[in-house]
Amino acid sequence: MADDAADALPPGSTPPAPAPLRPLPRPPKLPRQHLCASGQLEEKGRALVFDVSHFREPARAFVLRFEGRVVAYLNRCVHVPTELDWQPGVFLDSGREFILCSIHGAAYDPRNGRCAGGPCGQGKLLRIEAVEDAGQVYWEPTADTRPLPPGQAPAPGP
């Protein structure tokens, strides 16, 4: 089927060039988001689970203390996109050395989120920047992972 716009051009002429593509505007940078007091996160203990909007969809994330520093990740296994925790806030294996997926046993290194064994292959968890400042723990929103908008339902729990 012939293009109607091309048929309307006089013989020998070329269609006009399309308008140049412009990048979409980036969302405004948001301030860091408060999670808890530093003392609430015990070394290799229970994590704090919190709601985020990831690519505009509700999701859960978690923060825990490992080897003296706070680390945070999206609560989603690389192997199968399901939440990782065995029970709410329980992410570490019995030896408290790995973040373990409760569904298929994929093991992740808490220091960097990289797969350490199991069906996660060469994948790694999506890191969320977490910082401690003046005895408080915060997370840093990005263009893709932002606070859950007011009125948006949180992600369903495990």
Protein backbone atom coordinates (compact mmCIF):
# COMPACT_ATOMS: atom_id res chain seq x y z
CA MET A 1 0.00 0.00 0.00
CA ALA A 2 1.47 3.38 -1.01
CA ASP A 3 2.09 6.10 1.56
CA ASP A 4 -0.54 8.86 1.03
CA ALA A 5 1.87 11.64 2.10
CA ALA A 6 4.50 10.48 -0.40
CA ASP A 7 1.84 10.31 -3.14
CA ALA A 8 0.96 13.99 -2.50
CA LEU A 9 4.51 15.20 -3.25
CA PRO A 10 5.35 16.48 -6.70
CA PRO A 11 7.49 14.08 -8.76
CA GLY A 12 11.20 14.38 -7.99
CA SER A 13 10.73 16.07 -4.61
CA THR A 14 11.66 14.55 -1.26
CA PRO A 15 9.52 14.58 1.85
CA PRO A 16 10.55 16.98 4.61
CA ALA A 17 12.91 15.67 7.28
CA PRO A 18 11.21 14.58 10.49
CA ALA A 19 11.55 16.86 13.50
CA PRO A 20 14.63 16.02 15.60
CA LEU A 21 14.01 13.81 18.60
CA ARG A 22 14.26 15.51 21.96
CA PRO A 23 15.03 13.63 25.15
CA LEU A 24 12.23 13.40 27.65
CA PRO A 25 12.63 15.76 30.58
CA ARG A 26 14.14 14.13 33.64
CA PRO A 27 11.98 14.20 36.75
CA PRO A 28 13.16 16.69 39.35
CA LYS A 29 15.74 15.48 41.85
CA LEU A 30 14.05 14.61 45.11
CA PRO A 31 15.60 15.00 48.54
CA ARG A 32 16.75 11.92 50.37
CA GLN A 33 13.97 10.06 52.16
CA HIS A 34 14.05 9.24 55.87
CA LEU A 35 13.75 5.57 56.81
CA CYS A 36 14.62 5.12 60.48
CA ALA A 37 17.02 5.83 63.30
CA SER A 38 20.39 4.13 62.80
CA GLY A 39 19.95 2.11 66.00
CA GLN A 40 16.90 0.33 64.56
CA LEU A 41 19.12 -1.63 62.15
CA GLU A 42 21.05 -4.27 64.08
CA GLU A 43 24.14 -5.83 62.53
CA LYS A 44 22.98 -8.70 60.27
CA GLY A 45 19.52 -8.42 61.80
CA ARG A 46 16.00 -7.84 60.55
CA ALA A 47 15.73 -5.42 57.62
CA LEU A 48 13.39 -2.48 57.34
CA VAL A 49 11.04 -2.94 54.36
CA PHE A 50 9.69 0.20 52.66
CA ASP A 51 7.49 1.04 49.69
CA VAL A 52 8.79 2.75 46.54
CA SER A 53 7.61 3.49 43.04
CA HIS A 54 9.89 1.70 40.56
CA PHE A 55 9.26 2.72 36.95
CA ARG A 56 5.94 4.13 38.22
CA GLU A 57 4.83 0.77 39.63
CA PRO A 58 4.54 0.11 43.38
CA ALA A 59 7.35 -2.07 44.69
CA ARG A 60 9.06 -2.88 47.95
CA ALA A 61 12.64 -2.23 48.93
CA PHE A 62 14.64 -3.05 52.04
CA VAL A 63 17.55 -1.73 54.04
CA LEU A 64 19.73 -3.69 56.45
CA ARG A 65 23.04 -3.33 58.25
CA PHE A 66 25.83 -5.61 57.07
CA GLU A 67 29.47 -5.39 58.18
CA GLY A 68 28.82 -2.05 59.83
CA ARG A 69 27.20 -0.24 56.93
CA VAL A 70 23.67 0.12 55.63
CA VAL A 71 22.79 -1.43 52.28
CA ALA A 72 19.48 -1.20 50.45
CA TYR A 73 18.03 -3.07 47.48
CA LEU A 74 14.80 -3.44 45.59
CA ASN A 75 13.01 -6.45 47.08
CA ARG A 76 13.00 -8.43 43.84
CA CYS A 77 14.86 -11.60 42.91
CA VAL A 78 16.82 -11.49 39.66
CA HIS A 79 15.89 -15.08 38.78
CA VAL A 80 12.11 -14.65 39.09
CA PRO A 81 10.66 -11.20 39.92
CA THR A 82 9.32 -12.12 43.34
CA GLU A 83 10.00 -10.69 46.78
CA LEU A 84 12.97 -12.21 48.56
CA ASP A 85 12.13 -12.22 52.28
CA TRP A 86 11.27 -15.42 54.12
CA GLN A 87 9.17 -13.48 56.60
CA PRO A 88 8.67 -9.70 56.66
CA GLY A 89 12.15 -8.20 57.06
CA VAL A 90 14.01 -11.54 57.13
CA PHE A 91 16.41 -11.65 54.18
CA LEU A 92 19.61 -13.28 55.42
CA ASP A 93 20.31 -17.01 55.42
CA SER A 94 20.72 -18.90 58.72
CA GLY A 95 24.47 -18.11 58.77
CA ARG A 96 23.67 -14.43 58.13
CA GLU A 97 26.13 -14.26 55.25
CA PHE A 98 23.88 -14.02 52.19
CA ILE A 99 20.60 -12.46 51.14
CA LEU A 100 18.56 -15.51 50.19
CA CYS A 101 15.51 -15.72 47.92
CA SER A 102 12.73 -17.52 49.76
CA ILE A 103 11.32 -19.06 46.57
CA HIS A 104 14.26 -20.67 44.73
CA GLY A 105 17.23 -20.17 47.07
CA ALA A 106 19.18 -17.70 44.94
CA ALA A 107 21.94 -16.27 47.16
CA TYR A 108 23.20 -12.67 46.89
CA ASP A 109 26.21 -10.99 48.47
CA PRO A 110 24.81 -8.27 50.80
CA ARG A 111 27.83 -6.02 50.18
CA ASN A 112 27.15 -5.53 46.47
CA GLY A 113 23.97 -7.48 45.57
CA ARG A 114 25.79 -9.82 43.16
CA CYS A 115 24.58 -13.38 42.73
CA ALA A 116 26.69 -15.68 44.88
CA GLY A 117 24.96 -18.95 43.97
CA GLY A 118 21.77 -20.56 42.79
CA PRO A 119 19.57 -19.73 39.80
CA CYS A 120 20.37 -15.99 39.67
CA GLY A 121 23.30 -16.55 37.27
CA GLN A 122 25.44 -13.45 36.76
CA GLY A 123 22.67 -11.08 37.90
CA LYS A 124 22.62 -8.71 40.82
CA LEU A 125 20.01 -7.01 42.93
CA LEU A 126 19.03 -3.44 42.11
CA ARG A 127 20.88 -1.28 44.61
CA ILE A 128 19.17 1.66 46.28
CA GLU A 129 21.58 4.23 47.65
CA ALA A 130 21.27 4.34 51.44
CA VAL A 131 23.15 6.71 53.72
CA GLU A 132 23.52 7.30 57.43
CA ASP A 133 23.67 10.86 58.67
CA ALA A 134 23.44 12.18 62.24
CA GLY A 135 22.10 8.90 63.59
CA GLN A 136 19.42 8.51 60.91
CA VAL A 137 19.11 6.30 57.80
CA TYR A 138 17.93 7.72 54.46
CA TRP A 139 17.52 6.47 50.90
CA GLU A 140 18.26 8.47 47.75
CA PRO A 141 15.54 8.54 45.04
CA THR A 142 16.58 8.21 41.39
CA ALA A 143 14.77 8.90 38.13
CA ASP A 144 13.54 5.26 38.14
CA THR A 145 12.99 4.58 41.85
CA ARG A 146 11.08 7.25 43.71
CA PRO A 147 8.90 7.60 46.79
CA LEU A 148 5.45 6.11 46.41
CA PRO A 149 3.11 8.95 45.33
CA PRO A 150 0.38 9.92 47.81
CA GLY A 151 -2.71 7.80 47.24
CA GLN A 152 -0.90 5.04 45.32
CA ALA A 153 -1.44 1.66 46.92
CA PRO A 154 1.71 -0.03 48.22
CA ALA A 155 2.97 -3.23 46.66
CA PRO A 156 1.31 -6.38 48.00
CA GLY A 157 3.30 -8.04 50.79
CA PRO A 158 5.00 -11.43 50.72
